[in-house]
Amino acid sequence: MYAAYQLASPGTAPNASIFISRASLVEIQHAEVGRKFATIDRRPLDPPPSALLKLYTNDGGVENEVDSSNPLAGVGRLCVVDLFPASQKDYEGAVNAEPTKTRGELSPTRGSSGSSTSSQSKQPSSTAPAGGPVVQIIDDESIYESMKLTMYLVGQREVSPTVAHWRGEKHLIFAFGDLSIQREGRFFLRYRTFDLQTPGDEHVVDAECTGRTFRVYSTKDFPGLATSTELTKELALRGASVNVRVHDRKRPRNEGEETQGLGQED
C-alpha cells in the first residue's frame, strides 16, 4: 500500500511528492511499573511507553528510509495502543476483579483492502478465550487477540509522533504519557500506526509491534517511581506530553514533586 507525501528529500524538488511504501514500528521504551487506576489519584504508566516509527520509500526496488528530521515526515500519522494480559492467569484476574466502568475503543483493522472497523467495548469472558490470531507468545503461552483488555486502559490511547533524539539521531517517536490501567496484574501493550492521509474514508494499520511486559500494583504494594529516563526528558523537551521527575519517589504522595512535560503533543 502506497501513500503520497509532499516532502523535500535528496534528489527531489522541494515540493515533489514521494511515496511511502512501508512503515515499521518498534517499542524503544516500555513501562516498568504502574499503579492501579484510582478516581482521585490516577497515575500513568512509568516510564511513558514509547515506540519508534520508520518510513521507507521504494525506488526501482531500492528501499530508502525517509529522513525523520523533516518536519513533515510524520504529518497525518497516528499510533493507537491496546492492552493485553501477560498470561491466562492475568487475564482471569483482571476480568474477575471488581467491575469498573468500561470505555469505548478505536480498533483499526490491519489489511490491504483499505478498510477498517471500530468496535465497542464489552465485558470479556470470565475465562481466557483461546483461538484466533496470536498476538504474542510469553513463556510458551499464547496470548490471543480475543484476550484483549483495552476496556481497562484509561487515558490518551492515540497520539501523534514527536521528532526527538534517540541514540544520537532524530526519529519519529510515539510517546504515551497518559495511560493508566484499572486492574492489577501483568500486561503488555500493542502499538499500531496508520496514516490519515491515505485515500478513502477509512484507514488501515500499516505497521504494528508488541511491547515488553510490565506490572500494575495496588496502591498498598506500589514500589514507587524512579527518576525519569533520558528518553523521557528528551521527549518532554521536544514537546511530548510526558511527566518528568528529577528524584526517585519510593512512596508517591505529593503531586507537587512531579512536573508536566514541556509542551503538548501536536
C-alpha atoms as a PDB file:
ATOM      1  CA  MET A   1       0.000   0.000   0.000  1.00  0.00           C
ATOM      2  CA  TYR A   2       1.463   3.363  -1.047  1.00  0.00           C
ATOM      3  CA  ALA A   3       0.843   6.805   0.420  1.00  0.00           C
ATOM      4  CA  ALA A   4       1.932  10.081  -1.172  1.00  0.00           C
ATOM      5  CA  TYR A   5       3.580  12.838   0.880  1.00  0.00           C
ATOM      6  CA  GLN A   6       4.758  16.319  -0.075  1.00  0.00           C
ATOM      7  CA  LEU A   7       8.300  16.137   1.302  1.00  0.00           C
ATOM      8  CA  ALA A   8      11.644  17.600   0.390  1.00  0.00           C
ATOM      9  CA  SER A   9      14.141  14.746   0.100  1.00  0.00           C
ATOM     10  CA  PRO A  10      17.538  14.188  -1.537  1.00  0.00           C
ATOM     11  CA  GLY A  11      17.174  14.141  -5.309  1.00  0.00           C
ATOM     12  CA  THR A  12      13.709  15.706  -5.413  1.00  0.00           C
ATOM     13  CA  ALA A  13      12.408  19.225  -5.804  1.00  0.00           C
ATOM     14  CA  PRO A  14      11.315  20.897  -2.537  1.00  0.00           C
ATOM     15  CA  ASN A  15       7.621  20.267  -3.222  1.00  0.00           C
ATOM     16  CA  ALA A  16       7.922  16.955  -5.061  1.00  0.00           C
ATOM     17  CA  SER A  17       5.812  14.010  -3.947  1.00  0.00           C
ATOM     18  CA  ILE A  18       7.473  10.896  -2.626  1.00  0.00           C
ATOM     19  CA  PHE A  19       5.670   7.646  -1.928  1.00  0.00           C
ATOM     20  CA  ILE A  20       5.835   5.803   1.369  1.00  0.00           C
ATOM     21  CA  SER A  21       5.951   2.111   0.551  1.00  0.00           C
ATOM     22  CA  ARG A  22       6.468   0.682   4.030  1.00  0.00           C
ATOM     23  CA  ALA A  23       6.348   1.610   7.712  1.00  0.00           C
ATOM     24  CA  SER A  24       7.917  -0.123  10.707  1.00  0.00           C
ATOM     25  CA  LEU A  25       7.263   0.264  14.409  1.00  0.00           C
ATOM     26  CA  VAL A  26       9.288  -0.885  17.439  1.00  0.00           C
ATOM     27  CA  GLU A  27       8.941  -0.220  21.164  1.00  0.00           C
ATOM     28  CA  ILE A  28      12.030   1.613  22.452  1.00  0.00           C
ATOM     29  CA  GLN A  29      10.838   2.347  25.990  1.00  0.00           C
ATOM     30  CA  HIS A  30       8.486   0.116  27.943  1.00  0.00           C
ATOM     31  CA  ALA A  31       6.631   0.809  31.145  1.00  0.00           C
ATOM     32  CA  GLU A  32       8.358  -0.604  34.216  1.00  0.00           C
ATOM     33  CA  VAL A  33       5.526  -0.173  36.704  1.00  0.00           C
ATOM     34  CA  GLY A  34       2.009   1.129  37.026  1.00  0.00           C
ATOM     35  CA  ARG A  35      -0.344   1.805  39.899  1.00  0.00           C
ATOM     36  CA  LYS A  36      -3.926   0.655  39.655  1.00  0.00           C
ATOM     37  CA  PHE A  37      -6.228   3.407  38.451  1.00  0.00           C
ATOM     38  CA  ALA A  38      -7.942   5.385  41.201  1.00  0.00           C
ATOM     39  CA  THR A  39     -10.599   8.013  40.539  1.00  0.00           C
ATOM     40  CA  ILE A  40      -8.978  10.591  42.822  1.00  0.00           C
ATOM     41  CA  ASP A  41      -5.310   9.774  42.163  1.00  0.00           C
ATOM     42  CA  ARG A  42      -4.688   8.420  38.669  1.00  0.00           C
ATOM     43  CA  ARG A  43      -1.026   7.629  37.989  1.00  0.00           C
ATOM     44  CA  PRO A  44       0.173   7.000  34.427  1.00  0.00           C
ATOM     45  CA  LEU A  45       2.422   4.101  33.470  1.00  0.00           C
ATOM     46  CA  ASP A  46       6.082   4.865  34.062  1.00  0.00           C
ATOM     47  CA  PRO A  47       8.263   5.445  32.196  1.00  0.00           C
ATOM     48  CA  PRO A  48       5.982   6.540  29.344  1.00  0.00           C
ATOM     49  CA  PRO A  49       5.691   3.683  26.805  1.00  0.00           C
ATOM     50  CA  SER A  50       7.224   4.836  23.522  1.00  0.00           C
ATOM     51  CA  ALA A  51       7.513   3.402  20.016  1.00  0.00           C
ATOM     52  CA  LEU A  52       9.784   4.452  17.159  1.00  0.00           C
ATOM     53  CA  LEU A  53       8.367   4.858  13.647  1.00  0.00           C
ATOM     54  CA  LYS A  54      10.388   4.451  10.456  1.00  0.00           C
ATOM     55  CA  LEU A  55       9.052   5.202   6.975  1.00  0.00           C
ATOM     56  CA  TYR A  56      10.508   3.906   3.716  1.00  0.00           C
ATOM     57  CA  THR A  57      10.314   4.673   0.021  1.00  0.00           C
ATOM     58  CA  ASN A  58      10.929   2.219  -2.806  1.00  0.00           C
ATOM     59  CA  ASP A  59      12.675   3.477  -5.923  1.00  0.00           C
ATOM     60  CA  GLY A  60      13.054   0.805  -8.577  1.00  0.00           C
ATOM     61  CA  GLY A  61      13.348  -1.939  -5.990  1.00  0.00           C
ATOM     62  CA  VAL A  62      15.785   0.021  -3.817  1.00  0.00           C
ATOM     63  CA  GLU A  63      14.378   0.816  -0.376  1.00  0.00           C
ATOM     64  CA  ASN A  64      15.381   4.040   1.360  1.00  0.00           C
ATOM     65  CA  GLU A  65      14.476   5.330   4.798  1.00  0.00           C
ATOM     66  CA  VAL A  66      12.739   8.719   4.938  1.00  0.00           C
ATOM     67  CA  ASP A  67      14.634  11.409   6.846  1.00  0.00           C
ATOM     68  CA  SER A  68      12.768  11.701  10.150  1.00  0.00           C
ATOM     69  CA  SER A  69      14.188  15.175  10.785  1.00  0.00           C
ATOM     70  CA  ASN A  70      11.912  16.509   8.043  1.00  0.00           C
ATOM     71  CA  PRO A  71       9.088  18.257   9.939  1.00  0.00           C
ATOM     72  CA  LEU A  72       6.501  16.886   7.505  1.00  0.00           C
ATOM     73  CA  ALA A  73       7.559  13.245   7.734  1.00  0.00           C
ATOM     74  CA  GLY A  74       5.083  12.378  10.474  1.00  0.00           C
ATOM     75  CA  VAL A  75       2.205  14.599   9.389  1.00  0.00           C
ATOM     76  CA  GLY A  76      -1.060  12.662   9.410  1.00  0.00           C
ATOM     77  CA  ARG A  77       0.427   9.745  11.334  1.00  0.00           C
ATOM     78  CA  LEU A  78      -1.229   8.369  14.471  1.00  0.00           C
ATOM     79  CA  CYS A  79      -0.448   5.469  16.764  1.00  0.00           C
ATOM     80  CA  VAL A  80      -3.009   3.684  18.928  1.00  0.00           C
ATOM     81  CA  VAL A  81      -2.365   1.172  21.722  1.00  0.00           C
ATOM     82  CA  ASP A  82      -4.278  -1.841  23.006  1.00  0.00           C
ATOM     83  CA  LEU A  83      -3.835  -3.681  26.301  1.00  0.00           C
ATOM     84  CA  PHE A  84      -3.279  -7.424  26.678  1.00  0.00           C
ATOM     85  CA  PRO A  85      -2.629  -9.678  29.691  1.00  0.00           C
ATOM     86  CA  ALA A  86       0.749 -11.375  30.042  1.00  0.00           C
ATOM     87  CA  SER A  87      -0.872 -14.747  30.796  1.00  0.00           C
ATOM     88  CA  GLN A  88      -4.191 -16.536  31.139  1.00  0.00           C
ATOM     89  CA  LYS A  89      -3.917 -16.051  34.905  1.00  0.00           C
ATOM     90  CA  ASP A  90      -3.525 -12.288  34.459  1.00  0.00           C
ATOM     91  CA  TYR A  91      -6.495 -12.233  32.081  1.00  0.00           C
ATOM     92  CA  GLU A  92      -8.764 -14.018  34.546  1.00  0.00           C
ATOM     93  CA  GLY A  93      -7.517 -11.899  37.452  1.00  0.00           C
ATOM     94  CA  ALA A  94      -8.398  -8.737  35.539  1.00  0.00           C
ATOM     95  CA  VAL A  95     -11.858  -9.683  34.274  1.00  0.00           C
ATOM     96  CA  ASN A  96     -12.968 -11.270  37.552  1.00  0.00           C
ATOM     97  CA  ALA A  97     -11.943  -8.273  39.662  1.00  0.00           C
ATOM     98  CA  GLU A  98     -14.473  -5.782  40.979  1.00  0.00           C
ATOM     99  CA  PRO A  99     -16.317  -4.292  37.972  1.00  0.00           C
ATOM    100  CA  THR A 100     -15.204  -0.893  36.714  1.00  0.00           C
ATOM    101  CA  LYS A 101     -16.863   1.334  34.160  1.00  0.00           C
ATOM    102  CA  THR A 102     -15.590   0.449  30.669  1.00  0.00           C
ATOM    103  CA  ARG A 103     -14.640   2.734  27.815  1.00  0.00           C
ATOM    104  CA  GLY A 104     -15.103   2.642  24.050  1.00  0.00           C
ATOM    105  CA  GLU A 105     -12.071   1.889  21.908  1.00  0.00           C
ATOM    106  CA  LEU A 106     -10.739   2.631  18.461  1.00  0.00           C
ATOM    107  CA  SER A 107      -9.766  -0.541  16.613  1.00  0.00           C
ATOM    108  CA  PRO A 108      -8.353  -0.094  13.108  1.00  0.00           C
ATOM    109  CA  THR A 109      -8.170  -3.396  11.232  1.00  0.00           C
ATOM    110  CA  ARG A 110      -4.925  -4.475   9.615  1.00  0.00           C
ATOM    111  CA  GLY A 111      -5.133  -5.430   5.964  1.00  0.00           C
ATOM    112  CA  SER A 112      -4.573  -4.287   2.402  1.00  0.00           C
ATOM    113  CA  SER A 113      -8.129  -3.594   1.337  1.00  0.00           C
ATOM    114  CA  GLY A 114      -8.258  -0.067   2.717  1.00  0.00           C
ATOM    115  CA  SER A 115     -10.979  -0.930   5.208  1.00  0.00           C
ATOM    116  CA  SER A 116     -11.103  -0.560   8.958  1.00  0.00           C
ATOM    117  CA  THR A 117     -13.601  -1.224  11.686  1.00  0.00           C
ATOM    118  CA  SER A 118     -14.463   0.281  15.045  1.00  0.00           C
ATOM    119  CA  SER A 119     -15.684  -1.956  17.863  1.00  0.00           C
ATOM    120  CA  GLN A 120     -17.456  -1.071  21.078  1.00  0.00           C
ATOM    121  CA  SER A 121     -16.004  -2.400  24.317  1.00  0.00           C
ATOM    122  CA  LYS A 122     -17.898  -5.191  26.030  1.00  0.00           C
ATOM    123  CA  GLN A 123     -17.440  -7.196  29.197  1.00  0.00           C
ATOM    124  CA  PRO A 124     -14.986 -10.018  28.395  1.00  0.00           C
ATOM    125  CA  SER A 125     -15.416 -13.691  29.180  1.00  0.00           C
ATOM    126  CA  SER A 126     -14.551 -14.694  32.756  1.00  0.00           C
ATOM    127  CA  THR A 127     -12.153 -17.352  31.439  1.00  0.00           C
ATOM    128  CA  ALA A 128      -9.393 -16.702  28.917  1.00  0.00           C
ATOM    129  CA  PRO A 129     -10.727 -17.375  25.393  1.00  0.00           C
ATOM    130  CA  ALA A 130      -8.495 -19.374  23.052  1.00  0.00           C
ATOM    131  CA  GLY A 131      -8.319 -19.266  19.287  1.00  0.00           C
ATOM    132  CA  GLY A 132      -7.966 -16.578  16.669  1.00  0.00           C
ATOM    133  CA  PRO A 133      -4.818 -14.581  15.870  1.00  0.00           C
ATOM    134  CA  VAL A 134      -1.901 -14.939  18.285  1.00  0.00           C
ATOM    135  CA  VAL A 135      -0.701 -11.501  19.380  1.00  0.00           C
ATOM    136  CA  GLN A 136       2.371 -12.649  21.324  1.00  0.00           C
ATOM    137  CA  ILE A 137       3.821 -15.759  22.959  1.00  0.00           C
ATOM    138  CA  ILE A 138       5.098 -15.301  26.524  1.00  0.00           C
ATOM    139  CA  ASP A 139       6.792 -18.161  28.385  1.00  0.00           C
ATOM    140  CA  ASP A 140       5.385 -20.641  25.854  1.00  0.00           C
ATOM    141  CA  GLU A 141       1.849 -19.355  26.447  1.00  0.00           C
ATOM    142  CA  SER A 142      -0.082 -17.877  23.511  1.00  0.00           C
ATOM    143  CA  ILE A 143      -1.853 -14.561  24.033  1.00  0.00           C
ATOM    144  CA  TYR A 144      -4.775 -14.290  21.612  1.00  0.00           C
ATOM    145  CA  GLU A 145      -6.500 -11.295  20.069  1.00  0.00           C
ATOM    146  CA  SER A 146      -9.666 -12.386  21.876  1.00  0.00           C
ATOM    147  CA  MET A 147      -7.912 -11.760  25.217  1.00  0.00           C
ATOM    148  CA  LYS A 148      -7.649  -8.008  24.602  1.00  0.00           C
ATOM    149  CA  LEU A 149      -8.312  -5.914  27.723  1.00  0.00           C
ATOM    150  CA  THR A 150      -8.296  -2.410  26.262  1.00  0.00           C
ATOM    151  CA  MET A 151     -11.525  -1.590  28.101  1.00  0.00           C
ATOM    152  CA  TYR A 152      -9.405  -1.337  31.265  1.00  0.00           C
ATOM    153  CA  LEU A 153      -6.977   1.163  29.710  1.00  0.00           C
ATOM    154  CA  VAL A 154      -7.645   4.790  30.694  1.00  0.00           C
ATOM    155  CA  GLY A 155      -6.159   7.944  29.191  1.00  0.00           C
ATOM    156  CA  GLN A 156      -4.877   9.028  25.793  1.00  0.00           C
ATOM    157  CA  ARG A 157      -4.589   5.897  23.652  1.00  0.00           C
ATOM    158  CA  GLU A 158      -3.971   7.714  20.386  1.00  0.00           C
ATOM    159  CA  VAL A 159      -1.015  10.072  19.822  1.00  0.00           C
ATOM    160  CA  SER A 160       0.878  11.832  17.043  1.00  0.00           C
ATOM    161  CA  PRO A 161       4.653  11.409  16.672  1.00  0.00           C
ATOM    162  CA  THR A 162       7.259  13.672  18.227  1.00  0.00           C
ATOM    163  CA  VAL A 163      10.587  14.306  16.482  1.00  0.00           C
ATOM    164  CA  ALA A 164      13.211  13.606  19.157  1.00  0.00           C
ATOM    165  CA  HIS A 165      16.784  12.385  19.506  1.00  0.00           C
ATOM    166  CA  TRP A 166      17.415   8.744  20.343  1.00  0.00           C
ATOM    167  CA  ARG A 167      20.847   7.138  20.188  1.00  0.00           C
ATOM    168  CA  GLY A 168      22.315  10.198  18.530  1.00  0.00           C
ATOM    169  CA  GLU A 169      19.811  10.549  15.685  1.00  0.00           C
ATOM    170  CA  LYS A 170      16.451  12.209  15.136  1.00  0.00           C
ATOM    171  CA  HIS A 171      13.481   9.871  14.986  1.00  0.00           C
ATOM    172  CA  LEU A 172       9.701   9.914  14.896  1.00  0.00           C
ATOM    173  CA  ILE A 173       8.597   8.661  18.313  1.00  0.00           C
ATOM    174  CA  PHE A 174       5.109   7.995  19.644  1.00  0.00           C
ATOM    175  CA  ALA A 175       5.117   8.707  23.403  1.00  0.00           C
ATOM    176  CA  PHE A 176       2.179   7.665  25.591  1.00  0.00           C
ATOM    177  CA  GLY A 177       2.417   9.805  28.710  1.00  0.00           C
ATOM    178  CA  ASP A 178      -1.190   9.498  29.890  1.00  0.00           C
ATOM    179  CA  LEU A 179      -2.089   5.815  30.226  1.00  0.00           C
ATOM    180  CA  SER A 180      -3.418   4.157  33.369  1.00  0.00           C
ATOM    181  CA  ILE A 181      -4.890   0.710  33.984  1.00  0.00           C
ATOM    182  CA  GLN A 182      -7.942  -0.175  36.043  1.00  0.00           C
ATOM    183  CA  ARG A 183      -6.706  -3.630  37.037  1.00  0.00           C
ATOM    184  CA  GLU A 184      -3.725  -5.164  38.829  1.00  0.00           C
ATOM    185  CA  GLY A 185      -1.517  -7.757  37.164  1.00  0.00           C
ATOM    186  CA  ARG A 186       0.998  -8.178  34.356  1.00  0.00           C
ATOM    187  CA  PHE A 187       0.241  -6.710  30.943  1.00  0.00           C
ATOM    188  CA  PHE A 188       1.780  -5.580  27.668  1.00  0.00           C
ATOM    189  CA  LEU A 189       0.827  -3.042  25.015  1.00  0.00           C
ATOM    190  CA  ARG A 190       0.336  -3.451  21.291  1.00  0.00           C
ATOM    191  CA  TYR A 191       1.177  -0.410  19.178  1.00  0.00           C
ATOM    192  CA  ARG A 192      -0.415   0.120  15.767  1.00  0.00           C
ATOM    193  CA  THR A 193       0.089   3.021  13.386  1.00  0.00           C
ATOM    194  CA  PHE A 194      -1.926   4.287  10.454  1.00  0.00           C
ATOM    195  CA  ASP A 195      -1.896   7.240   8.080  1.00  0.00           C
ATOM    196  CA  LEU A 196      -4.784   9.703   7.991  1.00  0.00           C
ATOM    197  CA  GLN A 197      -3.650  10.981   4.579  1.00  0.00           C
ATOM    198  CA  THR A 198      -4.343   7.754   2.708  1.00  0.00           C
ATOM    199  CA  PRO A 199      -7.252   7.972   0.239  1.00  0.00           C
ATOM    200  CA  GLY A 200     -10.711   6.944   1.382  1.00  0.00           C
ATOM    201  CA  ASP A 201     -12.788   7.430   4.490  1.00  0.00           C
ATOM    202  CA  GLU A 202     -11.243   4.591   6.480  1.00  0.00           C
ATOM    203  CA  HIS A 203      -7.667   3.921   7.478  1.00  0.00           C
ATOM    204  CA  VAL A 204      -5.692   0.700   7.611  1.00  0.00           C
ATOM    205  CA  VAL A 205      -2.976  -0.207  10.093  1.00  0.00           C
ATOM    206  CA  ASP A 206       0.292  -0.488   8.142  1.00  0.00           C
ATOM    207  CA  ALA A 207       2.704  -1.282  10.985  1.00  0.00           C
ATOM    208  CA  GLU A 208       2.417  -2.748  14.459  1.00  0.00           C
ATOM    209  CA  CYS A 209       4.500  -4.186  17.275  1.00  0.00           C
ATOM    210  CA  THR A 210       4.057  -5.558  20.772  1.00  0.00           C
ATOM    211  CA  GLY A 211       5.896  -4.316  23.836  1.00  0.00           C
ATOM    212  CA  ARG A 212       7.512  -5.879  26.879  1.00  0.00           C
ATOM    213  CA  THR A 213       5.512  -6.887  29.931  1.00  0.00           C
ATOM    214  CA  PHE A 214       5.056  -4.680  32.982  1.00  0.00           C
ATOM    215  CA  ARG A 215       3.239  -4.958  36.301  1.00  0.00           C
ATOM    216  CA  VAL A 216       0.418  -2.845  37.696  1.00  0.00           C
ATOM    217  CA  TYR A 217       0.318  -2.734  41.508  1.00  0.00           C
ATOM    218  CA  SER A 218      -2.270  -1.871  44.099  1.00  0.00           C
ATOM    219  CA  THR A 219      -1.721   1.411  45.929  1.00  0.00           C
ATOM    220  CA  LYS A 220      -0.571  -0.534  49.002  1.00  0.00           C
ATOM    221  CA  ASP A 221       2.042  -2.578  47.119  1.00  0.00           C
ATOM    222  CA  PHE A 222       3.218   0.088  44.672  1.00  0.00           C
ATOM    223  CA  PRO A 223       7.055   0.298  44.906  1.00  0.00           C
ATOM    224  CA  GLY A 224       7.344   3.910  43.808  1.00  0.00           C
ATOM    225  CA  LEU A 225       8.834   5.636  40.775  1.00  0.00           C
ATOM    226  CA  ALA A 226      12.388   6.040  39.541  1.00  0.00           C
ATOM    227  CA  THR A 227      13.981   9.173  38.127  1.00  0.00           C
ATOM    228  CA  SER A 228      12.802   9.916  34.595  1.00  0.00           C
ATOM    229  CA  THR A 229      14.803   8.292  31.816  1.00  0.00           C
ATOM    230  CA  GLU A 230      16.917  10.323  29.410  1.00  0.00           C
ATOM    231  CA  LEU A 231      14.473   9.484  26.625  1.00  0.00           C
ATOM    232  CA  THR A 232      11.547  10.786  28.688  1.00  0.00           C
ATOM    233  CA  LYS A 233      13.419  14.040  29.349  1.00  0.00           C
ATOM    234  CA  GLU A 234      14.232  14.373  25.648  1.00  0.00           C
ATOM    235  CA  LEU A 235      10.618  13.745  24.645  1.00  0.00           C
ATOM    236  CA  ALA A 236       9.399  16.382  27.106  1.00  0.00           C
ATOM    237  CA  LEU A 237      11.946  18.856  25.755  1.00  0.00           C
ATOM    238  CA  ARG A 238      10.687  18.235  22.208  1.00  0.00           C
ATOM    239  CA  GLY A 239       7.061  18.821  23.106  1.00  0.00           C
ATOM    240  CA  ALA A 240       5.628  15.420  24.027  1.00  0.00           C
ATOM    241  CA  SER A 241       3.095  15.421  26.851  1.00  0.00           C
ATOM    242  CA  VAL A 242       5.013  13.366  29.419  1.00  0.00           C
ATOM    243  CA  ASN A 243       5.829  13.835  33.103  1.00  0.00           C
ATOM    244  CA  VAL A 244       9.443  14.497  34.127  1.00  0.00           C
ATOM    245  CA  ARG A 245      10.747  13.501  37.558  1.00  0.00           C
ATOM    246  CA  VAL A 246      14.076  14.714  38.953  1.00  0.00           C
ATOM    247  CA  HIS A 247      14.191  12.430  42.013  1.00  0.00           C
ATOM    248  CA  ASP A 248      13.130   8.890  42.873  1.00  0.00           C
ATOM    249  CA  ARG A 249       9.775   8.596  44.596  1.00  0.00           C
ATOM    250  CA  LYS A 250       9.584   5.462  46.707  1.00  0.00           C
ATOM    251  CA  ARG A 251       6.085   6.059  48.039  1.00  0.00           C
ATOM    252  CA  PRO A 252       4.483   8.766  45.842  1.00  0.00           C
ATOM    253  CA  ARG A 253       2.292  11.041  47.931  1.00  0.00           C
ATOM    254  CA  ASN A 254       2.860  14.611  46.816  1.00  0.00           C
ATOM    255  CA  GLU A 255       1.698  15.665  43.362  1.00  0.00           C
ATOM    256  CA  GLY A 256       3.935  18.726  43.561  1.00  0.00           C
ATOM    257  CA  GLU A 257       7.097  16.656  43.141  1.00  0.00           C
ATOM    258  CA  GLU A 258       6.146  15.786  39.584  1.00  0.00           C
ATOM    259  CA  THR A 259       6.277  18.322  36.765  1.00  0.00           C
ATOM    260  CA  GLN A 260       4.411  18.304  33.485  1.00  0.00           C
ATOM    261  CA  GLY A 261       6.367  17.842  30.268  1.00  0.00           C
ATOM    262  CA  LEU A 262       7.327  20.853  28.195  1.00  0.00           C
ATOM    263  CA  GLY A 263       4.642  21.499  25.606  1.00  0.00           C
ATOM    264  CA  GLN A 264       1.833  19.366  24.262  1.00  0.00           C
ATOM    265  CA  GLU A 265       1.521  16.785  21.521  1.00  0.00           C
ATOM    266  CA  ASP A 266       0.723  18.066  18.067  1.00  0.00           C
END
